[in-house]
Amino acid sequence: MSQANSFSIESTIEFQFKSSKIRDISYNSFLPEFTKLQTKRSEVFMEKKNDNFIVFNLKCNDITAFRASINEIISFGKVVDNTSKIVDNS
């Protein structure tokens, strides 16, 4: 029988982009995947901020849920980074 955790984990991750156009494209690209991050054990909120930022606010009930959410956001960041390198080199 599992016990309820006596803590939760909250974190904020910010991605800064070269322009608001790139930020908006990245934000819209991630929206379809974003729903996968919402579970019973974790909540993730994503918002566009001034100064070309996308901000992810996480609240997780346990370490495993936190790690899974972070991994998804990091994977998204890698895709954005690799795509922008391709676009910059063409």
Protein backbone atom coordinates (compact mmCIF):
# COMPACT_ATOMS: atom_id res chain seq x y z
CA MET A 1 0.00 0.00 0.00
CA SER A 2 1.46 3.36 -1.00
CA GLN A 3 1.54 6.31 1.32
CA ALA A 4 0.80 9.87 0.31
CA ASN A 5 3.90 12.01 -0.17
CA SER A 6 4.64 14.53 2.51
CA PHE A 7 5.94 17.03 -0.04
CA SER A 8 5.47 18.39 -3.54
CA ILE A 9 7.97 19.77 -6.01
CA GLU A 10 7.55 23.13 -7.75
CA SER A 11 9.88 24.49 -10.39
CA THR A 12 10.07 27.08 -13.15
CA ILE A 13 11.94 26.64 -16.43
CA GLU A 14 12.46 29.50 -18.87
CA PHE A 15 13.45 29.26 -22.53
CA GLN A 16 14.64 32.51 -24.08
CA PHE A 17 14.46 32.96 -27.86
CA LYS A 18 16.17 35.32 -30.30
CA SER A 19 12.85 36.78 -31.39
CA SER A 20 9.19 36.73 -30.53
CA LYS A 21 8.50 35.08 -33.91
CA ILE A 22 10.69 32.08 -33.04
CA ARG A 23 9.15 31.99 -29.55
CA ASP A 24 5.64 31.93 -31.01
CA ILE A 25 6.48 29.18 -33.53
CA SER A 26 8.05 27.10 -30.75
CA TYR A 27 5.11 27.67 -28.42
CA ASN A 28 2.58 26.65 -31.07
CA SER A 29 4.67 23.62 -31.99
CA PHE A 30 4.68 22.38 -28.41
CA LEU A 31 0.97 22.87 -27.74
CA PRO A 32 -0.13 19.46 -29.16
CA GLU A 33 2.43 17.70 -26.93
CA PHE A 34 1.62 19.83 -23.91
CA THR A 35 -1.48 17.85 -22.92
CA LYS A 36 0.70 14.77 -22.29
CA LEU A 37 2.34 16.60 -19.39
CA GLN A 38 -0.90 16.93 -17.45
CA THR A 39 -1.35 13.92 -15.18
CA LYS A 40 -2.79 13.14 -11.77
CA ARG A 41 0.70 13.47 -10.34
CA SER A 42 1.91 16.59 -12.15
CA GLU A 43 0.65 19.90 -13.47
CA VAL A 44 2.59 21.92 -15.99
CA PHE A 45 1.63 25.40 -17.11
CA MET A 46 3.20 27.00 -20.15
CA GLU A 47 3.02 30.67 -21.05
CA LYS A 48 4.59 33.16 -23.38
CA LYS A 49 6.28 36.07 -21.64
CA ASN A 50 7.62 39.38 -22.83
CA ASP A 51 11.29 39.45 -23.77
CA ASN A 52 10.91 36.33 -25.95
CA PHE A 53 10.47 33.76 -23.19
CA ILE A 54 8.41 30.61 -22.83
CA VAL A 55 7.98 29.79 -19.16
CA PHE A 56 7.07 26.35 -17.81
CA ASN A 57 5.74 26.17 -14.25
CA LEU A 58 5.71 22.67 -12.80
CA LYS A 59 4.04 21.28 -9.71
CA CYS A 60 4.56 17.57 -9.10
CA ASN A 61 3.51 15.24 -6.32
CA ASP A 62 6.63 13.07 -6.46
CA ILE A 63 10.17 12.85 -7.81
CA THR A 64 9.29 10.41 -10.60
CA ALA A 65 6.54 12.66 -11.97
CA PHE A 66 8.89 15.65 -11.74
CA ARG A 67 11.61 13.82 -13.65
CA ALA A 68 9.17 12.75 -16.38
CA SER A 69 7.92 16.33 -16.80
CA ILE A 70 11.45 17.74 -16.90
CA ASN A 71 12.50 15.15 -19.48
CA GLU A 72 9.59 16.13 -21.75
CA ILE A 73 10.49 19.82 -21.51
CA ILE A 74 14.18 19.09 -22.16
CA SER A 75 13.24 16.99 -25.20
CA PHE A 76 11.14 19.88 -26.48
CA GLY A 77 14.11 22.23 -25.95
CA LYS A 78 16.39 19.90 -27.93
CA VAL A 79 13.96 19.80 -30.84
CA VAL A 80 13.67 23.60 -30.86
CA ASP A 81 17.46 24.00 -30.65
CA ASN A 82 18.16 21.48 -33.44
CA THR A 83 15.47 22.97 -35.67
CA SER A 84 16.77 26.51 -35.20
CA LYS A 85 20.31 25.34 -36.10
CA ILE A 86 18.98 23.84 -39.33
CA VAL A 87 17.06 27.02 -40.19
CA ASP A 88 20.05 29.25 -39.37
CA ASN A 89 22.35 27.18 -41.64
CA SER A 90 20.05 27.21 -44.66
